[in-house]
Amino acid sequence: MTSVKSVREFRKIVKLSEQHSLTVSGSHTETRGNTVYETQWLDEKNEDDIVVARFRQWTNQSTQPPYRKQMGWERFSAKGALLDREIRYSKRDSNEWLH
């Protein structure tokens, strides 16, 4: 299961400058109970190849009904301060799937 966005897709989401590069620096997938947790770390480097920020993107997906899903990302400065965050939760249009 690979639910985190590809680097190319992620660049578009965070509107990363064309002069900056983005590379995967780590990833981890773990299942606890009925949920799969997937996390990926990315390094943002400027044109001088210096790390200027780090991103963490994640997906938490339940493997049993109602199949809830959380997706998000955070951007940290090179010194570790949180700069930006976005979190999205899945939501059904109705409750008709309940029985």
Protein backbone atom coordinates (compact mmCIF):
# COMPACT_ATOMS: atom_id res chain seq x y z
CA MET A 1 0.00 0.00 0.00
CA THR A 2 1.53 3.30 -1.06
CA SER A 3 -0.86 6.10 -0.23
CA VAL A 4 1.60 8.91 0.33
CA LYS A 5 1.98 11.11 -2.72
CA SER A 6 4.85 10.68 -5.14
CA VAL A 7 7.54 13.37 -5.00
CA ARG A 8 6.26 14.88 -8.26
CA GLU A 9 2.66 15.06 -6.99
CA PHE A 10 3.81 16.40 -3.63
CA ARG A 11 5.83 19.23 -5.27
CA LYS A 12 2.59 20.45 -6.87
CA ILE A 13 0.61 20.24 -3.62
CA VAL A 14 3.10 22.37 -1.65
CA LYS A 15 3.88 24.64 -4.64
CA LEU A 16 7.61 24.10 -4.30
CA SER A 17 9.90 26.52 -6.17
CA GLU A 18 11.44 25.09 -9.35
CA GLN A 19 14.89 26.11 -8.03
CA HIS A 20 14.51 23.79 -5.02
CA SER A 21 14.90 20.02 -5.08
CA LEU A 22 12.88 17.53 -3.06
CA THR A 23 14.21 14.09 -2.20
CA VAL A 24 12.94 11.26 -0.02
CA SER A 25 15.11 10.92 3.08
CA GLY A 26 13.15 8.23 4.92
CA SER A 27 9.93 6.26 5.07
CA HIS A 28 8.13 3.94 7.44
CA THR A 29 5.03 1.75 7.18
CA GLU A 30 3.47 0.04 10.17
CA THR A 31 0.20 -1.73 10.94
CA ARG A 32 -1.29 -1.39 14.41
CA GLY A 33 -4.69 -2.89 15.08
CA ASN A 34 -6.86 -2.22 12.05
CA THR A 35 -4.90 0.78 10.76
CA VAL A 36 -1.96 1.08 8.37
CA TYR A 37 0.29 4.06 9.16
CA GLU A 38 2.58 5.26 6.36
CA THR A 39 5.02 8.14 6.82
CA GLN A 40 7.55 9.64 4.42
CA TRP A 41 10.19 12.31 5.11
CA LEU A 42 11.44 14.58 2.32
CA ASP A 43 14.31 17.07 2.28
CA GLU A 44 13.92 20.39 0.46
CA LYS A 45 17.24 21.77 -0.78
CA ASN A 46 17.95 25.14 -2.35
CA GLU A 47 19.98 25.75 -5.52
CA ASP A 48 23.20 25.51 -3.43
CA ASP A 49 22.20 21.98 -2.30
CA ILE A 50 21.61 23.14 1.29
CA VAL A 51 18.67 21.68 3.26
CA VAL A 52 16.26 24.56 3.88
CA ALA A 53 13.25 22.55 5.09
CA ARG A 54 11.96 19.06 5.75
CA PHE A 55 8.53 17.70 4.97
CA ARG A 56 6.67 14.86 6.63
CA GLN A 57 3.74 13.42 4.73
CA TRP A 58 1.55 10.64 6.05
CA THR A 59 -1.50 8.48 5.47
CA ASN A 60 -3.43 6.57 8.13
CA GLN A 61 -5.89 4.09 6.56
CA SER A 62 -8.19 1.73 8.46
CA THR A 63 -8.42 -1.76 6.97
CA GLN A 64 -11.95 -2.48 8.18
CA PRO A 65 -15.24 -0.63 7.72
CA PRO A 66 -15.90 2.26 7.76
CA TYR A 67 -12.42 2.56 6.12
CA ARG A 68 -11.52 5.95 7.56
CA LYS A 69 -8.51 7.70 6.11
CA GLN A 70 -6.35 10.62 7.23
CA MET A 71 -3.79 12.24 4.96
CA GLY A 72 -1.53 15.14 5.78
CA TRP A 73 1.77 16.89 5.53
CA GLU A 74 3.91 19.22 7.61
CA ARG A 75 6.79 21.49 6.64
CA PHE A 76 9.57 22.14 9.15
CA SER A 77 12.41 24.66 8.98
CA ALA A 78 15.99 23.36 8.87
CA LYS A 79 16.09 24.04 12.65
CA GLY A 80 12.92 22.00 13.28
CA ALA A 81 10.25 24.70 13.70
CA LEU A 82 6.83 23.83 12.26
CA LEU A 83 6.14 26.17 9.32
CA ASP A 84 2.98 24.78 7.70
CA ARG A 85 0.55 21.89 8.02
CA GLU A 86 -2.39 20.41 6.16
CA ILE A 87 -4.55 17.49 7.29
CA ARG A 88 -7.43 15.90 5.36
CA TYR A 89 -9.95 13.34 6.56
CA SER A 90 -12.06 11.11 4.36
CA LYS A 91 -15.79 11.73 4.54
CA ARG A 92 -18.66 9.92 2.90
CA ASP A 93 -21.51 11.84 1.28
CA SER A 94 -24.14 9.90 3.23
CA ASN A 95 -24.56 7.22 5.88
CA GLU A 96 -26.19 4.72 3.48
CA TRP A 97 -23.13 2.44 3.73
CA LEU A 98 -23.99 1.73 7.38
CA HIS A 99 -25.98 -1.44 8.07
